[in-house]
Amino acid sequence: MTATNAIVGESTNSTVVRAYAHSVPGKPYPPYRTGTTAEGVTLAWYPLTDTGGVPLTGYKLYATLVSTGVVSVVYDGTGAPEILT
């Protein structure tokens, strides 16, 4: 790249800069049930296969309490999952 103006003219070439386009992250698969007991439900999910070149930092799991319709984050990748009652 060069810069130019009417008084001085054109500059020397700038330093080469390389840029790479990242792809858009892929859509994750939804969680699936791996077990059900009297204590609760066990879920699992497949890891995201295309992060668009950006590291994946975690997962969040949301649930809707049927009796109230309230949506809550039940797991944010840290600690133990929240228990909805």
Protein backbone atom coordinates (compact mmCIF):
# COMPACT_ATOMS: atom_id res chain seq x y z
CA MET A 1 0.00 0.00 0.00
CA THR A 2 1.16 3.52 -0.66
CA ALA A 3 -0.10 6.95 0.34
CA THR A 4 -0.25 9.91 -2.01
CA ASN A 5 -0.97 13.60 -1.98
CA ALA A 6 -0.75 16.50 -4.44
CA ILE A 7 2.32 18.13 -2.86
CA VAL A 8 4.75 15.30 -2.08
CA GLY A 9 3.49 12.58 -4.42
CA GLU A 10 3.46 8.88 -3.71
CA SER A 11 5.15 7.27 -0.71
CA THR A 12 7.21 4.12 -0.63
CA ASN A 13 5.44 0.80 -0.12
CA SER A 14 4.26 -0.01 3.40
CA THR A 15 5.29 -3.10 5.32
CA VAL A 16 3.51 -6.26 4.20
CA VAL A 17 0.65 -7.21 6.52
CA ARG A 18 -0.94 -10.63 6.35
CA ALA A 19 -4.57 -11.20 7.36
CA TYR A 20 -6.53 -14.40 7.38
CA ALA A 21 -10.29 -14.64 7.23
CA HIS A 22 -11.84 -16.93 9.80
CA SER A 23 -14.88 -18.96 8.96
CA VAL A 24 -18.14 -18.48 10.81
CA PRO A 25 -18.42 -20.96 13.69
CA GLY A 26 -20.56 -23.99 12.97
CA LYS A 27 -23.91 -24.54 14.63
CA PRO A 28 -23.63 -26.84 17.65
CA TYR A 29 -25.67 -29.99 17.99
CA PRO A 30 -28.31 -29.89 20.74
CA PRO A 31 -27.72 -31.84 23.97
CA TYR A 32 -29.05 -35.37 24.12
CA ARG A 33 -30.26 -37.48 27.03
CA THR A 34 -27.94 -40.29 28.11
CA GLY A 35 -29.86 -41.39 31.19
CA THR A 36 -32.85 -40.78 33.44
CA THR A 37 -33.15 -41.67 37.10
CA ALA A 38 -35.38 -40.64 40.00
CA GLU A 39 -32.74 -38.00 40.85
CA GLY A 40 -32.67 -36.37 37.43
CA VAL A 41 -31.59 -36.50 33.83
CA THR A 42 -28.07 -36.92 32.48
CA LEU A 43 -27.26 -34.97 29.32
CA ALA A 44 -24.29 -34.94 26.97
CA TRP A 45 -23.40 -33.07 23.80
CA TYR A 46 -20.97 -33.30 20.94
CA PRO A 47 -18.13 -30.79 20.92
CA LEU A 48 -18.30 -27.99 18.38
CA THR A 49 -16.27 -29.12 15.37
CA ASP A 50 -15.81 -25.74 13.67
CA THR A 51 -15.01 -22.80 15.93
CA GLY A 52 -14.29 -20.43 13.06
CA GLY A 53 -10.65 -20.25 14.10
CA VAL A 54 -11.51 -18.81 17.52
CA PRO A 55 -10.94 -21.00 20.60
CA LEU A 56 -14.08 -22.35 22.24
CA THR A 57 -14.22 -21.04 25.82
CA GLY A 58 -17.11 -23.07 27.19
CA TYR A 59 -20.69 -24.22 27.04
CA LYS A 60 -23.88 -22.96 28.68
CA LEU A 61 -26.93 -25.10 29.19
CA TYR A 62 -30.36 -23.46 29.53
CA ALA A 63 -33.55 -25.10 30.76
CA THR A 64 -37.18 -24.05 30.92
CA LEU A 65 -39.11 -24.92 34.03
CA VAL A 66 -42.39 -26.25 32.63
CA SER A 67 -44.56 -25.16 35.55
CA THR A 68 -43.52 -21.48 35.29
CA GLY A 69 -42.01 -21.09 31.81
CA VAL A 70 -38.92 -19.49 33.38
CA VAL A 71 -35.70 -20.04 31.43
CA SER A 72 -32.56 -20.43 33.55
CA VAL A 73 -28.88 -21.09 32.95
CA VAL A 74 -28.46 -24.46 34.64
CA TYR A 75 -24.82 -24.98 33.70
CA ASP A 76 -22.23 -22.43 32.68
CA GLY A 77 -19.16 -24.67 32.54
CA THR A 78 -18.14 -24.08 36.15
CA GLY A 79 -19.12 -25.86 39.34
CA ALA A 80 -22.14 -28.12 39.61
CA PRO A 81 -25.31 -27.70 37.55
CA GLU A 82 -28.19 -25.82 39.16
CA ILE A 83 -31.12 -27.93 40.36
CA LEU A 84 -34.50 -26.68 39.13
CA THR A 85 -37.43 -27.40 41.43
